[in-house]
Amino acid sequence: AALRRARAQFQMVFQDPYGSLDPRRTVG
């Protein structure tokens, strides 16, 4: 639970811009 809260402070950008986005969801 504490790690989940801490994740707001560090995020990741992955290598593949095609595979890292869910094609079924809108950008929003």
mmCIF file of all heavy atoms, coordinates in Angstrom:
data_MODEL
# 
_entry.id   MODEL 
# 
loop_
_atom_site.group_PDB 
_atom_site.id 
_atom_site.type_symbol 
_atom_site.label_atom_id 
_atom_site.label_alt_id 
_atom_site.label_comp_id 
_atom_site.label_asym_id 
_atom_site.label_entity_id 
_atom_site.label_seq_id 
_atom_site.pdbx_PDB_ins_code 
_atom_site.Cartn_x 
_atom_site.Cartn_y 
_atom_site.Cartn_z 
_atom_site.occupancy 
_atom_site.B_iso_or_equiv 
_atom_site.pdbx_formal_charge 
_atom_site.auth_seq_id 
_atom_site.auth_comp_id 
_atom_site.auth_asym_id 
_atom_site.auth_atom_id 
_atom_site.pdbx_PDB_model_num 
ATOM 1   N N   . ALA A 1 1  ? 0.826   -1.207 0.000   1.00 0.00 ? 1  ALA A N   1 
ATOM 2   C CA  . ALA A 1 1  ? 0.000   0.000  0.000   1.00 0.00 ? 1  ALA A CA  1 
ATOM 3   C C   . ALA A 1 1  ? 0.860   1.257  0.000   1.00 0.00 ? 1  ALA A C   1 
ATOM 4   O O   . ALA A 1 1  ? 0.567   2.234  -0.693  1.00 0.00 ? 1  ALA A O   1 
ATOM 5   C CB  . ALA A 1 1  ? -0.930  -0.006 1.213   1.00 0.00 ? 1  ALA A CB  1 
ATOM 6   N N   . ALA A 1 2  ? 1.957   1.234  0.763   1.00 0.00 ? 2  ALA A N   1 
ATOM 7   C CA  . ALA A 1 2  ? 2.851   2.393  0.811   1.00 0.00 ? 2  ALA A CA  1 
ATOM 8   C C   . ALA A 1 2  ? 3.579   2.578  -0.517  1.00 0.00 ? 2  ALA A C   1 
ATOM 9   O O   . ALA A 1 2  ? 3.784   3.707  -0.977  1.00 0.00 ? 2  ALA A O   1 
ATOM 10  C CB  . ALA A 1 2  ? 3.852   2.226  1.953   1.00 0.00 ? 2  ALA A CB  1 
ATOM 11  N N   . LEU A 1 3  ? 3.967   1.474  -1.150  1.00 0.00 ? 3  LEU A N   1 
ATOM 12  C CA  . LEU A 1 3  ? 4.624   1.563  -2.447  1.00 0.00 ? 3  LEU A CA  1 
ATOM 13  C C   . LEU A 1 3  ? 3.671   2.128  -3.495  1.00 0.00 ? 3  LEU A C   1 
ATOM 14  O O   . LEU A 1 3  ? 4.066   2.940  -4.336  1.00 0.00 ? 3  LEU A O   1 
ATOM 15  C CB  . LEU A 1 3  ? 5.117   0.185  -2.874  1.00 0.00 ? 3  LEU A CB  1 
ATOM 16  C CG  . LEU A 1 3  ? 5.782   0.099  -4.255  1.00 0.00 ? 3  LEU A CG  1 
ATOM 17  C CD1 . LEU A 1 3  ? 6.998   1.015  -4.335  1.00 0.00 ? 3  LEU A CD1 1 
ATOM 18  C CD2 . LEU A 1 3  ? 6.173   -1.335 -4.575  1.00 0.00 ? 3  LEU A CD2 1 
ATOM 19  N N   . ARG A 1 4  ? 2.416   1.727  -3.416  1.00 0.00 ? 4  ARG A N   1 
ATOM 20  C CA  . ARG A 1 4  ? 1.419   2.243  -4.353  1.00 0.00 ? 4  ARG A CA  1 
ATOM 21  C C   . ARG A 1 4  ? 1.284   3.756  -4.221  1.00 0.00 ? 4  ARG A C   1 
ATOM 22  O O   . ARG A 1 4  ? 1.212   4.483  -5.217  1.00 0.00 ? 4  ARG A O   1 
ATOM 23  C CB  . ARG A 1 4  ? 0.079   1.553  -4.097  1.00 0.00 ? 4  ARG A CB  1 
ATOM 24  C CG  . ARG A 1 4  ? -1.026  1.919  -5.085  1.00 0.00 ? 4  ARG A CG  1 
ATOM 25  C CD  . ARG A 1 4  ? -2.302  1.192  -4.697  1.00 0.00 ? 4  ARG A CD  1 
ATOM 26  N NE  . ARG A 1 4  ? -3.398  1.519  -5.595  1.00 0.00 ? 4  ARG A NE  1 
ATOM 27  C CZ  . ARG A 1 4  ? -3.654  0.891  -6.731  1.00 0.00 ? 4  ARG A CZ  1 
ATOM 28  N NH1 . ARG A 1 4  ? -2.882  -0.105 -7.126  1.00 0.00 ? 4  ARG A NH1 1 
ATOM 29  N NH2 . ARG A 1 4  ? -4.669  1.249  -7.491  1.00 0.00 ? 4  ARG A NH2 1 
ATOM 30  N N   . ARG A 1 5  ? 1.265   4.247  -2.983  1.00 0.00 ? 5  ARG A N   1 
ATOM 31  C CA  . ARG A 1 5  ? 1.171   5.699  -2.776  1.00 0.00 ? 5  ARG A CA  1 
ATOM 32  C C   . ARG A 1 5  ? 2.430   6.402  -3.274  1.00 0.00 ? 5  ARG A C   1 
ATOM 33  O O   . ARG A 1 5  ? 2.362   7.491  -3.840  1.00 0.00 ? 5  ARG A O   1 
ATOM 34  C CB  . ARG A 1 5  ? 0.954   5.998  -1.284  1.00 0.00 ? 5  ARG A CB  1 
ATOM 35  C CG  . ARG A 1 5  ? -0.419  5.598  -0.766  1.00 0.00 ? 5  ARG A CG  1 
ATOM 36  C CD  . ARG A 1 5  ? -0.670  6.188  0.623   1.00 0.00 ? 5  ARG A CD  1 
ATOM 37  N NE  . ARG A 1 5  ? 0.287   5.676  1.605   1.00 0.00 ? 5  ARG A NE  1 
ATOM 38  C CZ  . ARG A 1 5  ? 0.084   4.589  2.346   1.00 0.00 ? 5  ARG A CZ  1 
ATOM 39  N NH1 . ARG A 1 5  ? -1.024  3.872  2.181   1.00 0.00 ? 5  ARG A NH1 1 
ATOM 40  N NH2 . ARG A 1 5  ? 0.985   4.196  3.224   1.00 0.00 ? 5  ARG A NH2 1 
ATOM 41  N N   . ALA A 1 6  ? 3.577   5.767  -3.078  1.00 0.00 ? 6  ALA A N   1 
ATOM 42  C CA  . ALA A 1 6  ? 4.838   6.392  -3.476  1.00 0.00 ? 6  ALA A CA  1 
ATOM 43  C C   . ALA A 1 6  ? 4.982   6.482  -4.988  1.00 0.00 ? 6  ALA A C   1 
ATOM 44  O O   . ALA A 1 6  ? 5.723   7.325  -5.491  1.00 0.00 ? 6  ALA A O   1 
ATOM 45  C CB  . ALA A 1 6  ? 6.011   5.620  -2.884  1.00 0.00 ? 6  ALA A CB  1 
ATOM 46  N N   . ARG A 1 7  ? 4.276   5.624  -5.732  1.00 0.00 ? 7  ARG A N   1 
ATOM 47  C CA  . ARG A 1 7  ? 4.434   5.585  -7.186  1.00 0.00 ? 7  ARG A CA  1 
ATOM 48  C C   . ARG A 1 7  ? 4.017   6.888  -7.871  1.00 0.00 ? 7  ARG A C   1 
ATOM 49  O O   . ARG A 1 7  ? 4.416   7.134  -9.009  1.00 0.00 ? 7  ARG A O   1 
ATOM 50  C CB  . ARG A 1 7  ? 3.646   4.416  -7.775  1.00 0.00 ? 7  ARG A CB  1 
ATOM 51  C CG  . ARG A 1 7  ? 4.284   3.065  -7.515  1.00 0.00 ? 7  ARG A CG  1 
ATOM 52  C CD  . ARG A 1 7  ? 3.743   1.986  -8.424  1.00 0.00 ? 7  ARG A CD  1 
ATOM 53  N NE  . ARG A 1 7  ? 4.352   0.706  -8.137  1.00 0.00 ? 7  ARG A NE  1 
ATOM 54  C CZ  . ARG A 1 7  ? 5.536   0.317  -8.559  1.00 0.00 ? 7  ARG A CZ  1 
ATOM 55  N NH1 . ARG A 1 7  ? 6.249   1.147  -9.323  1.00 0.00 ? 7  ARG A NH1 1 
ATOM 56  N NH2 . ARG A 1 7  ? 6.038   -0.864 -8.261  1.00 0.00 ? 7  ARG A NH2 1 
ATOM 57  N N   . ALA A 1 8  ? 3.238   7.697  -7.198  1.00 0.00 ? 8  ALA A N   1 
ATOM 58  C CA  . ALA A 1 8  ? 2.890   8.988  -7.792  1.00 0.00 ? 8  ALA A CA  1 
ATOM 59  C C   . ALA A 1 8  ? 4.130   9.858  -8.000  1.00 0.00 ? 8  ALA A C   1 
ATOM 60  O O   . ALA A 1 8  ? 4.133   10.758 -8.841  1.00 0.00 ? 8  ALA A O   1 
ATOM 61  C CB  . ALA A 1 8  ? 1.883   9.707  -6.904  1.00 0.00 ? 8  ALA A CB  1 
ATOM 62  N N   . GLN A 1 9  ? 5.218   9.569  -7.252  1.00 0.00 ? 9  GLN A N   1 
ATOM 63  C CA  . GLN A 1 9  ? 6.423   10.379 -7.333  1.00 0.00 ? 9  GLN A CA  1 
ATOM 64  C C   . GLN A 1 9  ? 7.412   9.901  -8.393  1.00 0.00 ? 9  GLN A C   1 
ATOM 65  O O   . GLN A 1 9  ? 8.380   10.595 -8.685  1.00 0.00 ? 9  GLN A O   1 
ATOM 66  C CB  . GLN A 1 9  ? 7.119   10.405 -5.968  1.00 0.00 ? 9  GLN A CB  1 
ATOM 67  C CG  . GLN A 1 9  ? 6.370   11.191 -4.913  1.00 0.00 ? 9  GLN A CG  1 
ATOM 68  C CD  . GLN A 1 9  ? 6.204   12.650 -5.339  1.00 0.00 ? 9  GLN A CD  1 
ATOM 69  O OE1 . GLN A 1 9  ? 7.177   13.319 -5.673  1.00 0.00 ? 9  GLN A OE1 1 
ATOM 70  N NE2 . GLN A 1 9  ? 4.979   13.137 -5.339  1.00 0.00 ? 9  GLN A NE2 1 
ATOM 71  N N   . PHE A 1 10 ? 7.197   8.710  -8.945  1.00 0.00 ? 10 PHE A N   1 
ATOM 72  C CA  . PHE A 1 10 ? 8.110   8.226  -9.989  1.00 0.00 ? 10 PHE A CA  1 
ATOM 73  C C   . PHE A 1 10 ? 7.321   7.444  -11.026 1.00 0.00 ? 10 PHE A C   1 
ATOM 74  O O   . PHE A 1 10 ? 6.525   6.579  -10.703 1.00 0.00 ? 10 PHE A O   1 
ATOM 75  C CB  . PHE A 1 10 ? 9.257   7.397  -9.402  1.00 0.00 ? 10 PHE A CB  1 
ATOM 76  C CG  . PHE A 1 10 ? 8.843   6.160  -8.653  1.00 0.00 ? 10 PHE A CG  1 
ATOM 77  C CD1 . PHE A 1 10 ? 8.974   4.898  -9.217  1.00 0.00 ? 10 PHE A CD1 1 
ATOM 78  C CD2 . PHE A 1 10 ? 8.331   6.244  -7.362  1.00 0.00 ? 10 PHE A CD2 1 
ATOM 79  C CE1 . PHE A 1 10 ? 8.599   3.753  -8.535  1.00 0.00 ? 10 PHE A CE1 1 
ATOM 80  C CE2 . PHE A 1 10 ? 7.954   5.106  -6.659  1.00 0.00 ? 10 PHE A CE2 1 
ATOM 81  C CZ  . PHE A 1 10 ? 8.093   3.858  -7.252  1.00 0.00 ? 10 PHE A CZ  1 
ATOM 82  N N   . GLN A 1 11 ? 7.525   7.810  -12.267 1.00 0.00 ? 11 GLN A N   1 
ATOM 83  C CA  . GLN A 1 11 ? 6.794   7.210  -13.381 1.00 0.00 ? 11 GLN A CA  1 
ATOM 84  C C   . GLN A 1 11 ? 7.780   6.771  -14.462 1.00 0.00 ? 11 GLN A C   1 
ATOM 85  O O   . GLN A 1 11 ? 8.958   7.133  -14.430 1.00 0.00 ? 11 GLN A O   1 
ATOM 86  C CB  . GLN A 1 11 ? 5.793   8.209  -13.956 1.00 0.00 ? 11 GLN A CB  1 
ATOM 87  C CG  . GLN A 1 11 ? 4.646   8.544  -13.008 1.00 0.00 ? 11 GLN A CG  1 
ATOM 88  C CD  . GLN A 1 11 ? 3.680   7.380  -12.848 1.00 0.00 ? 11 GLN A CD  1 
ATOM 89  O OE1 . GLN A 1 11 ? 3.107   6.890  -13.806 1.00 0.00 ? 11 GLN A OE1 1 
ATOM 90  N NE2 . GLN A 1 11 ? 3.517   6.932  -11.609 1.00 0.00 ? 11 GLN A NE2 1 
ATOM 91  N N   . MET A 1 12 ? 7.286   6.014  -15.436 1.00 0.00 ? 12 MET A N   1 
ATOM 92  C CA  . MET A 1 12 ? 8.170   5.443  -16.451 1.00 0.00 ? 12 MET A CA  1 
ATOM 93  C C   . MET A 1 12 ? 7.637   5.705  -17.848 1.00 0.00 ? 12 MET A C   1 
ATOM 94  O O   . MET A 1 12 ? 6.426   5.679  -18.084 1.00 0.00 ? 12 MET A O   1 
ATOM 95  C CB  . MET A 1 12 ? 8.326   3.936  -16.219 1.00 0.00 ? 12 MET A CB  1 
ATOM 96  C CG  . MET A 1 12 ? 9.381   3.276  -17.091 1.00 0.00 ? 12 MET A CG  1 
ATOM 97  S SD  . MET A 1 12 ? 9.827   1.634  -16.459 1.00 0.00 ? 12 MET A SD  1 
ATOM 98  C CE  . MET A 1 12 ? 11.182  1.223  -17.572 1.00 0.00 ? 12 MET A CE  1 
ATOM 99  N N   . VAL A 1 13 ? 8.551   5.948  -18.773 1.00 0.00 ? 13 VAL A N   1 
ATOM 100 C CA  . VAL A 1 13 ? 8.247   6.027  -20.196 1.00 0.00 ? 13 VAL A CA  1 
ATOM 101 C C   . VAL A 1 13 ? 8.942   4.845  -20.859 1.00 0.00 ? 13 VAL A C   1 
ATOM 102 O O   . VAL A 1 13 ? 10.165  4.706  -20.767 1.00 0.00 ? 13 VAL A O   1 
ATOM 103 C CB  . VAL A 1 13 ? 8.737   7.346  -20.815 1.00 0.00 ? 13 VAL A CB  1 
ATOM 104 C CG1 . VAL A 1 13 ? 8.501   7.346  -22.326 1.00 0.00 ? 13 VAL A CG1 1 
ATOM 105 C CG2 . VAL A 1 13 ? 8.033   8.534  -20.173 1.00 0.00 ? 13 VAL A CG2 1 
ATOM 106 N N   . PHE A 1 14 ? 8.174   4.001  -21.522 1.00 0.00 ? 14 PHE A N   1 
ATOM 107 C CA  . PHE A 1 14 ? 8.713   2.772  -22.082 1.00 0.00 ? 14 PHE A CA  1 
ATOM 108 C C   . PHE A 1 14 ? 9.245   3.000  -23.492 1.00 0.00 ? 14 PHE A C   1 
ATOM 109 O O   . PHE A 1 14 ? 8.982   4.013  -24.138 1.00 0.00 ? 14 PHE A O   1 
ATOM 110 C CB  . PHE A 1 14 ? 7.643   1.676  -22.084 1.00 0.00 ? 14 PHE A CB  1 
ATOM 111 C CG  . PHE A 1 14 ? 7.219   1.254  -20.709 1.00 0.00 ? 14 PHE A CG  1 
ATOM 112 C CD1 . PHE A 1 14 ? 6.136   1.856  -20.083 1.00 0.00 ? 14 PHE A CD1 1 
ATOM 113 C CD2 . PHE A 1 14 ? 7.906   0.269  -20.032 1.00 0.00 ? 14 PHE A CD2 1 
ATOM 114 C CE1 . PHE A 1 14 ? 5.751   1.482  -18.809 1.00 0.00 ? 14 PHE A CE1 1 
ATOM 115 C CE2 . PHE A 1 14 ? 7.524   -0.115 -18.751 1.00 0.00 ? 14 PHE A CE2 1 
ATOM 116 C CZ  . PHE A 1 14 ? 6.439   0.494  -18.143 1.00 0.00 ? 14 PHE A CZ  1 
ATOM 117 N N   . GLN A 1 15 ? 9.971   2.004  -23.979 1.00 0.00 ? 15 GLN A N   1 
ATOM 118 C CA  . GLN A 1 15 ? 10.659  2.109  -25.257 1.00 0.00 ? 15 GLN A CA  1 
ATOM 119 C C   . GLN A 1 15 ? 9.710   2.159  -26.445 1.00 0.00 ? 15 GLN A C   1 
ATOM 120 O O   . GLN A 1 15 ? 9.896   2.946  -27.362 1.00 0.00 ? 15 GLN A O   1 
ATOM 121 C CB  . GLN A 1 15 ? 11.615  0.926  -25.413 1.00 0.00 ? 15 GLN A CB  1 
ATOM 122 C CG  . GLN A 1 15 ? 12.317  0.856  -26.757 1.00 0.00 ? 15 GLN A CG  1 
ATOM 123 C CD  . GLN A 1 15 ? 13.267  -0.331 -26.837 1.00 0.00 ? 15 GLN A CD  1 
ATOM 124 O OE1 . GLN A 1 15 ? 13.419  -1.081 -25.877 1.00 0.00 ? 15 GLN A OE1 1 
ATOM 125 N NE2 . GLN A 1 15 ? 13.897  -0.497 -27.977 1.00 0.00 ? 15 GLN A NE2 1 
ATOM 126 N N   . ASP A 1 16 ? 8.684   1.315  -26.442 1.00 0.00 ? 16 ASP A N   1 
ATOM 127 C CA  . ASP A 1 16 ? 7.846   1.119  -27.624 1.00 0.00 ? 16 ASP A CA  1 
ATOM 128 C C   . ASP A 1 16 ? 6.593   1.974  -27.541 1.00 0.00 ? 16 ASP A C   1 
ATOM 129 O O   . ASP A 1 16 ? 5.680   1.666  -26.759 1.00 0.00 ? 16 ASP A O   1 
ATOM 130 C CB  . ASP A 1 16 ? 7.470   -0.358 -27.741 1.00 0.00 ? 16 ASP A CB  1 
ATOM 131 C CG  . ASP A 1 16 ? 6.659   -0.651 -28.993 1.00 0.00 ? 16 ASP A CG  1 
ATOM 132 O OD1 . ASP A 1 16 ? 6.505   0.260  -29.824 1.00 0.00 ? 16 ASP A OD1 1 
ATOM 133 O OD2 . ASP A 1 16 ? 6.192   -1.795 -29.135 1.00 0.00 ? 16 ASP A OD2 1 
ATOM 134 N N   . PRO A 1 17 ? 6.476   3.053  -28.307 1.00 0.00 ? 17 PRO A N   1 
ATOM 135 C CA  . PRO A 1 17 ? 5.274   3.883  -28.244 1.00 0.00 ? 17 PRO A CA  1 
ATOM 136 C C   . PRO A 1 17 ? 4.054   3.198  -28.854 1.00 0.00 ? 17 PRO A C   1 
ATOM 137 O O   . PRO A 1 17 ? 2.936   3.678  -28.696 1.00 0.00 ? 17 PRO A O   1 
ATOM 138 C CB  . PRO A 1 17 ? 5.666   5.127  -29.044 1.00 0.00 ? 17 PRO A CB  1 
ATOM 139 C CG  . PRO A 1 17 ? 6.687   4.641  -30.008 1.00 0.00 ? 17 PRO A CG  1 
ATOM 140 C CD  . PRO A 1 17 ? 7.446   3.556  -29.296 1.00 0.00 ? 17 PRO A CD  1 
ATOM 141 N N   . TYR A 1 18 ? 4.264   2.093  -29.551 1.00 0.00 ? 18 TYR A N   1 
ATOM 142 C CA  . TYR A 1 18 ? 3.146   1.366  -30.156 1.00 0.00 ? 18 TYR A CA  1 
ATOM 143 C C   . TYR A 1 18 ? 2.589   0.320  -29.190 1.00 0.00 ? 18 TYR A C   1 
ATOM 144 O O   . TYR A 1 18 ? 1.385   0.079  -29.144 1.00 0.00 ? 18 TYR A O   1 
ATOM 145 C CB  . TYR A 1 18 ? 3.600   0.703  -31.459 1.00 0.00 ? 18 TYR A CB  1 
ATOM 146 C CG  . TYR A 1 18 ? 4.046   1.690  -32.499 1.00 0.00 ? 18 TYR A CG  1 
ATOM 147 C CD1 . TYR A 1 18 ? 5.380   2.063  -32.591 1.00 0.00 ? 18 TYR A CD1 1 
ATOM 148 C CD2 . TYR A 1 18 ? 3.135   2.281  -33.365 1.00 0.00 ? 18 TYR A CD2 1 
ATOM 149 C CE1 . TYR A 1 18 ? 5.799   2.993  -33.535 1.00 0.00 ? 18 TYR A CE1 1 
ATOM 150 C CE2 . TYR A 1 18 ? 3.544   3.211  -34.312 1.00 0.00 ? 18 TYR A CE2 1 
ATOM 151 C CZ  . TYR A 1 18 ? 4.872   3.565  -34.388 1.00 0.00 ? 18 TYR A CZ  1 
ATOM 152 O OH  . TYR A 1 18 ? 5.283   4.496  -35.312 1.00 0.00 ? 18 TYR A OH  1 
ATOM 153 N N   . GLY A 1 19 ? 3.453   -0.317 -28.414 1.00 0.00 ? 19 GLY A N   1 
ATOM 154 C CA  . GLY A 1 19 ? 3.008   -1.376 -27.523 1.00 0.00 ? 19 GLY A CA  1 
ATOM 155 C C   . GLY A 1 19 ? 2.665   -0.918 -26.122 1.00 0.00 ? 19 GLY A C   1 
ATOM 156 O O   . GLY A 1 19 ? 2.037   -1.661 -25.359 1.00 0.00 ? 19 GLY A O   1 
ATOM 157 N N   . SER A 1 20 ? 3.075   0.311  -25.735 1.00 0.00 ? 20 SER A N   1 
ATOM 158 C CA  . SER A 1 20 ? 2.856   0.746  -24.352 1.00 0.00 ? 20 SER A CA  1 
ATOM 159 C C   . SER A 1 20 ? 1.522   1.448  -24.143 1.00 0.00 ? 20 SER A C   1 
ATOM 160 O O   . SER A 1 20 ? 1.183   1.786  -23.005 1.00 0.00 ? 20 SER A O   1 
ATOM 161 C CB  . SER A 1 20 ? 3.991   1.692  -23.926 1.00 0.00 ? 20 SER A CB  1 
ATOM 162 O OG  . SER A 1 20 ? 4.003   2.866  -24.720 1.00 0.00 ? 20 SER A OG  1 
ATOM 163 N N   . LEU A 1 21 ? 0.754   1.667  -25.207 1.00 0.00 ? 21 LEU A N   1 
ATOM 164 C CA  . LEU A 1 21 ? -0.552  2.318  -25.090 1.00 0.00 ? 21 LEU A CA  1 
ATOM 165 C C   . LEU A 1 21 ? -1.646  1.316  -25.438 1.00 0.00 ? 21 LEU A C   1 
ATOM 166 O O   . LEU A 1 21 ? -1.562  0.622  -26.451 1.00 0.00 ? 21 LEU A O   1 
ATOM 167 C CB  . LEU A 1 21 ? -0.636  3.534  -26.026 1.00 0.00 ? 21 LEU A CB  1 
ATOM 168 C CG  . LEU A 1 21 ? 0.458   4.601  -25.871 1.00 0.00 ? 21 LEU A CG  1 
ATOM 169 C CD1 . LEU A 1 21 ? 0.234   5.719  -26.876 1.00 0.00 ? 21 LEU A CD1 1 
ATOM 170 C CD2 . LEU A 1 21 ? 0.501   5.141  -24.458 1.00 0.00 ? 21 LEU A CD2 1 
ATOM 171 N N   . ASP A 1 22 ? -2.668  1.263  -24.619 1.00 0.00 ? 22 ASP A N   1 
ATOM 172 C CA  . ASP A 1 22 ? -3.791  0.342  -24.847 1.00 0.00 ? 22 ASP A CA  1 
ATOM 173 C C   . ASP A 1 22 ? -4.592  0.822  -26.063 1.00 0.00 ? 22 ASP A C   1 
ATOM 174 O O   . ASP A 1 22 ? -5.168  1.923  -26.039 1.00 0.00 ? 22 ASP A O   1 
ATOM 175 C CB  . ASP A 1 22 ? -4.681  0.314  -23.609 1.00 0.00 ? 22 ASP A CB  1 
ATOM 176 C CG  . ASP A 1 22 ? -5.743  -0.769 -23.677 1.00 0.00 ? 22 ASP A CG  1 
ATOM 177 O OD1 . ASP A 1 22 ? -6.070  -1.226 -24.789 1.00 0.00 ? 22 ASP A OD1 1 
ATOM 178 O OD2 . ASP A 1 22 ? -6.254  -1.171 -22.615 1.00 0.00 ? 22 ASP A OD2 1 
ATOM 179 N N   . PRO A 1 23 ? -4.642  0.019  -27.147 1.00 0.00 ? 23 PRO A N   1 
ATOM 180 C CA  . PRO A 1 23 ? -5.328  0.489  -28.356 1.00 0.00 ? 23 PRO A CA  1 
ATOM 181 C C   . PRO A 1 23 ? -6.838  0.617  -28.196 1.00 0.00 ? 23 PRO A C   1 
ATOM 182 O O   . PRO A 1 23 ? -7.506  1.239  -29.021 1.00 0.00 ? 23 PRO A O   1 
ATOM 183 C CB  . PRO A 1 23 ? -4.985  -0.599 -29.388 1.00 0.00 ? 23 PRO A CB  1 
ATOM 184 C CG  . PRO A 1 23 ? -4.720  -1.820 -28.573 1.00 0.00 ? 23 PRO A CG  1 
ATOM 185 C CD  . PRO A 1 23 ? -4.079  -1.332 -27.303 1.00 0.00 ? 23 PRO A CD  1 
ATOM 186 N N   . ARG A 1 24 ? -7.405  0.042  -27.119 1.00 0.00 ? 24 ARG A N   1 
ATOM 187 C CA  . ARG A 1 24 ? -8.857  0.073  -26.919 1.00 0.00 ? 24 ARG A CA  1 
ATOM 188 C C   . ARG A 1 24 ? -9.305  1.283  -26.111 1.00 0.00 ? 24 ARG A C   1 
ATOM 189 O O   . ARG A 1 24 ? -10.502 1.497  -25.937 1.00 0.00 ? 24 ARG A O   1 
ATOM 190 C CB  . ARG A 1 24 ? -9.312  -1.204 -26.216 1.00 0.00 ? 24 ARG A CB  1 
ATOM 191 C CG  . ARG A 1 24 ? -9.018  -2.484 -27.006 1.00 0.00 ? 24 ARG A CG  1 
ATOM 192 C CD  . ARG A 1 24 ? -9.158  -3.705 -26.122 1.00 0.00 ? 24 ARG A CD  1 
ATOM 193 N NE  . ARG A 1 24 ? -8.194  -3.659 -25.023 1.00 0.00 ? 24 ARG A NE  1 
ATOM 194 C CZ  . ARG A 1 24 ? -8.088  -4.604 -24.089 1.00 0.00 ? 24 ARG A CZ  1 
ATOM 195 N NH1 . ARG A 1 24 ? -8.892  -5.655 -24.111 1.00 0.00 ? 24 ARG A NH1 1 
ATOM 196 N NH2 . ARG A 1 24 ? -7.195  -4.504 -23.125 1.00 0.00 ? 24 ARG A NH2 1 
ATOM 197 N N   . ARG A 1 25 ? -8.348  2.064  -25.628 1.00 0.00 ? 25 ARG A N   1 
ATOM 198 C CA  . ARG A 1 25 ? -8.693  3.217  -24.786 1.00 0.00 ? 25 ARG A CA  1 
ATOM 199 C C   . ARG A 1 25 ? -8.399  4.516  -25.526 1.00 0.00 ? 25 ARG A C   1 
ATOM 200 O O   . ARG A 1 25 ? -7.463  4.604  -26.310 1.00 0.00 ? 25 ARG A O   1 
ATOM 201 C CB  . ARG A 1 25 ? -7.903  3.187  -23.477 1.00 0.00 ? 25 ARG A CB  1 
ATOM 202 C CG  . ARG A 1 25 ? -8.281  2.025  -22.565 1.00 0.00 ? 25 ARG A CG  1 
ATOM 203 C CD  . ARG A 1 25 ? -7.680  2.216  -21.205 1.00 0.00 ? 25 ARG A CD  1 
ATOM 204 N NE  . ARG A 1 25 ? -8.207  1.249  -20.247 1.00 0.00 ? 25 ARG A NE  1 
ATOM 205 C CZ  . ARG A 1 25 ? -8.057  1.353  -18.941 1.00 0.00 ? 25 ARG A CZ  1 
ATOM 206 N NH1 . ARG A 1 25 ? -7.394  2.386  -18.420 1.00 0.00 ? 25 ARG A NH1 1 
ATOM 207 N NH2 . ARG A 1 25 ? -8.565  0.436  -18.135 1.00 0.00 ? 25 ARG A NH2 1 
ATOM 208 N N   . THR A 1 26 ? -9.183  5.519  -25.202 1.00 0.00 ? 26 THR A N   1 
ATOM 209 C CA  . THR A 1 26 ? -8.928  6.843  -25.768 1.00 0.00 ? 26 THR A CA  1 
ATOM 210 C C   . THR A 1 26 ? -7.727  7.466  -25.081 1.00 0.00 ? 26 THR A C   1 
ATOM 211 O O   . THR A 1 26 ? -7.290  7.037  -24.004 1.00 0.00 ? 26 THR A O   1 
ATOM 212 C CB  . THR A 1 26 ? -10.134 7.765  -25.569 1.00 0.00 ? 26 THR A CB  1 
ATOM 213 O OG1 . THR A 1 26 ? -10.341 7.967  -24.158 1.00 0.00 ? 26 THR A OG1 1 
ATOM 214 C CG2 . THR A 1 26 ? -11.390 7.180  -26.208 1.00 0.00 ? 26 THR A CG2 1 
ATOM 215 N N   . VAL A 1 27 ? -7.186  8.495  -25.717 1.00 0.00 ? 27 VAL A N   1 
ATOM 216 C CA  . VAL A 1 27 ? -6.036  9.198  -25.154 1.00 0.00 ? 27 VAL A CA  1 
ATOM 217 C C   . VAL A 1 27 ? -6.377  9.757  -23.769 1.00 0.00 ? 27 VAL A C   1 
ATOM 218 O O   . VAL A 1 27 ? -5.561  9.701  -22.838 1.00 0.00 ? 27 VAL A O   1 
ATOM 219 C CB  . VAL A 1 27 ? -5.594  10.326 -26.105 1.00 0.00 ? 27 VAL A CB  1 
ATOM 220 C CG1 . VAL A 1 27 ? -4.605  11.262 -25.419 1.00 0.00 ? 27 VAL A CG1 1 
ATOM 221 C CG2 . VAL A 1 27 ? -4.988  9.728  -27.365 1.00 0.00 ? 27 VAL A CG2 1 
ATOM 222 N N   . GLY A 1 28 ? -7.591  10.271 -23.623 1.00 0.00 ? 28 GLY A N   1 
ATOM 223 C CA  . GLY A 1 28 ? -7.998  10.818 -22.331 1.00 0.00 ? 28 GLY A CA  1 
ATOM 224 C C   . GLY A 1 28 ? -7.941  9.781  -21.225 1.00 0.00 ? 28 GLY A C   1 
ATOM 225 O O   . GLY A 1 28 ? -7.447  10.044 -20.127 1.00 0.00 ? 28 GLY A O   1 
# 
